[in-house]
Amino acid sequence: MKHLKKEFWRYMMFAILGMIGSSGAILADTFFVSHRLGSEGLAALNIAIAIFGLLNGLGMMIGIGGATRYSIYKAQQRHGEANQTFTLSFQMTVGLGCLFFFMGLYGASGLAKCLGANQGYIAFMYNLFKNDSYVCTKFFIESSFHVICSS
């Protein structure tokens, strides 16, 4: 039982540290955007943070689902299915990353309007989405495989 508690706290501490790091990155981003772009840029950033939450949620969903199936198959000594699960999780991660990459490059203004931006904020959000789209595949891989590789 002590081993289980120790393992639980180890995973919980890494999750908490990850959330603190994520919150710190958002806080730093908000600070620099507000100083550089003013209130309009800050409003655009607050609308765009919804996309960050979506990317994080989808990446974690793939990672947790893949890690659960992977662990079950490994425990059952079904290594072929475990490897297929890992490969499928990787393919889904890269596929969704590429989808959001192209959506950010070519559909940023439509996505900004969909999230509620008016004409004054679309230019700010377009730049945010375009810059975020360059790293979204890396972000997906990082958020999903952080979970899978720790299982």
Protein backbone atom coordinates (compact mmCIF):
# COMPACT_ATOMS: atom_id res chain seq x y z
CA MET A 1 0.00 0.00 0.00
CA LYS A 2 2.87 2.41 0.76
CA HIS A 3 4.29 1.75 -2.70
CA LEU A 4 0.94 2.68 -4.25
CA LYS A 5 0.74 5.94 -2.29
CA LYS A 6 4.30 6.81 -3.26
CA GLU A 7 3.58 6.17 -6.92
CA PHE A 8 0.33 8.17 -6.73
CA TRP A 9 2.11 11.19 -5.24
CA ARG A 10 4.88 10.92 -7.81
CA TYR A 11 2.41 11.12 -10.70
CA MET A 12 0.38 13.80 -8.96
CA MET A 13 3.43 16.00 -8.38
CA PHE A 14 4.43 15.80 -12.05
CA ALA A 15 0.88 16.70 -13.08
CA ILE A 16 0.82 19.65 -10.70
CA LEU A 17 4.23 20.85 -11.88
CA GLY A 18 3.06 20.56 -15.48
CA MET A 19 -0.03 22.63 -14.75
CA ILE A 20 2.06 25.26 -12.93
CA GLY A 21 4.41 25.41 -15.93
CA SER A 22 1.50 25.76 -18.32
CA SER A 23 -0.07 28.50 -16.20
CA GLY A 24 3.26 30.28 -15.96
CA ALA A 25 3.64 30.22 -19.74
CA ILE A 26 0.15 31.67 -20.19
CA LEU A 27 0.85 34.34 -17.56
CA ALA A 28 4.14 35.34 -19.21
CA ASP A 29 2.49 35.38 -22.63
CA THR A 30 -0.32 37.57 -21.28
CA PHE A 31 2.18 39.94 -19.66
CA PHE A 32 4.24 40.45 -22.82
CA VAL A 33 1.23 40.73 -25.10
CA SER A 34 -0.40 43.33 -22.86
CA HIS A 35 2.75 45.46 -22.81
CA ARG A 36 3.41 45.16 -26.53
CA LEU A 37 -0.10 45.19 -28.03
CA GLY A 38 -2.23 46.85 -25.37
CA SER A 39 -5.81 46.08 -24.46
CA GLU A 40 -6.81 44.98 -27.98
CA GLY A 41 -4.03 42.41 -28.10
CA LEU A 42 -4.89 41.22 -24.62
CA ALA A 43 -8.55 40.77 -25.54
CA ALA A 44 -7.52 38.84 -28.66
CA LEU A 45 -5.22 36.66 -26.58
CA ASN A 46 -7.99 35.87 -24.12
CA ILE A 47 -10.22 34.73 -26.97
CA ALA A 48 -7.35 32.71 -28.47
CA ILE A 49 -6.62 30.91 -25.19
CA ALA A 50 -9.70 28.78 -25.94
CA ILE A 51 -7.72 27.23 -28.80
CA PHE A 52 -4.86 26.49 -26.41
CA GLY A 53 -7.30 24.67 -24.12
CA LEU A 54 -8.71 22.72 -27.06
CA LEU A 55 -5.25 21.68 -28.25
CA ASN A 56 -4.23 20.66 -24.74
CA GLY A 57 -7.47 18.75 -24.16
CA LEU A 58 -7.31 16.85 -27.45
CA GLY A 59 -3.65 15.98 -26.97
CA MET A 60 -4.26 14.73 -23.44
CA MET A 61 -7.34 12.81 -24.57
CA ILE A 62 -5.32 10.93 -27.17
CA GLY A 63 -2.49 10.43 -24.71
CA ILE A 64 -4.61 9.16 -21.83
CA GLY A 65 -6.71 6.90 -24.04
CA GLY A 66 -3.66 5.51 -25.80
CA ALA A 67 -1.76 5.04 -22.55
CA THR A 68 -4.68 3.19 -20.97
CA ARG A 69 -5.03 0.78 -23.88
CA TYR A 70 -1.26 0.41 -24.15
CA SER A 71 -0.92 -0.45 -20.45
CA ILE A 72 -3.76 -2.97 -20.58
CA TYR A 73 -2.27 -4.73 -23.59
CA LYS A 74 1.21 -4.75 -22.06
CA ALA A 75 -0.14 -6.24 -18.82
CA GLN A 76 -1.88 -8.94 -20.84
CA GLN A 77 1.37 -9.69 -22.71
CA ARG A 78 -0.28 -8.65 -26.00
CA HIS A 79 2.70 -6.74 -27.33
CA GLY A 80 1.47 -6.56 -30.92
CA GLU A 81 -1.74 -4.79 -29.95
CA ALA A 82 0.21 -2.53 -27.57
CA ASN A 83 2.54 -1.49 -30.40
CA GLN A 84 -0.47 -0.90 -32.69
CA THR A 85 -2.05 1.30 -30.04
CA PHE A 86 1.14 3.33 -29.70
CA THR A 87 1.36 3.71 -33.50
CA LEU A 88 -2.31 4.68 -33.79
CA SER A 89 -1.92 7.28 -31.03
CA PHE A 90 1.10 8.71 -32.82
CA GLN A 91 -0.75 8.82 -36.16
CA MET A 92 -3.78 10.51 -34.60
CA THR A 93 -1.55 13.02 -32.87
CA VAL A 94 0.33 13.93 -36.04
CA GLY A 95 -2.90 13.99 -38.08
CA LEU A 96 -4.68 16.36 -35.71
CA GLY A 97 -1.54 18.46 -35.43
CA CYS A 98 -1.39 18.82 -39.21
CA LEU A 99 -5.11 19.61 -39.35
CA PHE A 100 -4.71 22.43 -36.85
CA PHE A 101 -1.54 23.56 -38.60
CA PHE A 102 -3.36 24.07 -41.89
CA MET A 103 -6.42 25.48 -40.14
CA GLY A 104 -4.19 28.05 -38.45
CA LEU A 105 -2.47 28.97 -41.69
CA TYR A 106 -5.47 29.16 -43.97
CA GLY A 107 -8.52 29.52 -41.72
CA ALA A 108 -7.31 31.77 -38.93
CA SER A 109 -9.65 34.66 -39.64
CA GLY A 110 -12.69 32.37 -39.92
CA LEU A 111 -11.72 30.67 -36.67
CA ALA A 112 -11.34 34.07 -35.00
CA LYS A 113 -14.84 35.08 -36.13
CA CYS A 114 -16.19 31.74 -34.89
CA LEU A 115 -14.71 32.43 -31.45
CA GLY A 116 -16.40 35.83 -31.27
CA ALA A 117 -13.80 38.28 -32.47
CA ASN A 118 -15.01 41.50 -34.08
CA GLN A 119 -13.20 43.32 -36.89
CA GLY A 120 -10.89 45.15 -34.50
CA TYR A 121 -9.47 41.93 -33.02
CA ILE A 122 -9.25 39.71 -36.08
CA ALA A 123 -5.83 41.05 -37.11
CA PHE A 124 -4.41 40.33 -33.64
CA MET A 125 -5.98 36.88 -33.49
CA TYR A 126 -4.85 36.06 -37.01
CA ASN A 127 -1.24 36.64 -35.96
CA LEU A 128 -1.71 34.59 -32.78
CA PHE A 129 -3.30 31.68 -34.63
CA LYS A 130 -0.76 31.79 -37.41
CA ASN A 131 2.16 31.73 -34.96
CA ASP A 132 0.54 29.01 -32.86
CA SER A 133 -0.09 26.88 -35.94
CA TYR A 134 3.65 26.55 -36.51
CA VAL A 135 4.10 24.67 -33.25
CA CYS A 136 0.75 22.90 -32.81
CA THR A 137 1.95 19.52 -34.14
CA LYS A 138 4.85 19.62 -31.69
CA PHE A 139 2.41 20.63 -28.96
CA PHE A 140 0.10 17.71 -29.75
CA ILE A 141 2.96 15.23 -29.73
CA GLU A 142 4.30 16.63 -26.48
CA SER A 143 0.98 16.63 -24.64
CA SER A 144 -0.14 13.19 -25.76
CA PHE A 145 3.16 11.34 -25.53
CA HIS A 146 3.96 12.80 -22.15
CA VAL A 147 1.16 10.60 -20.90
CA ILE A 148 1.85 7.56 -23.09
CA CYS A 149 5.58 7.42 -22.39
CA SER A 150 5.08 7.69 -18.64
CA SER A 151 2.78 4.64 -18.59
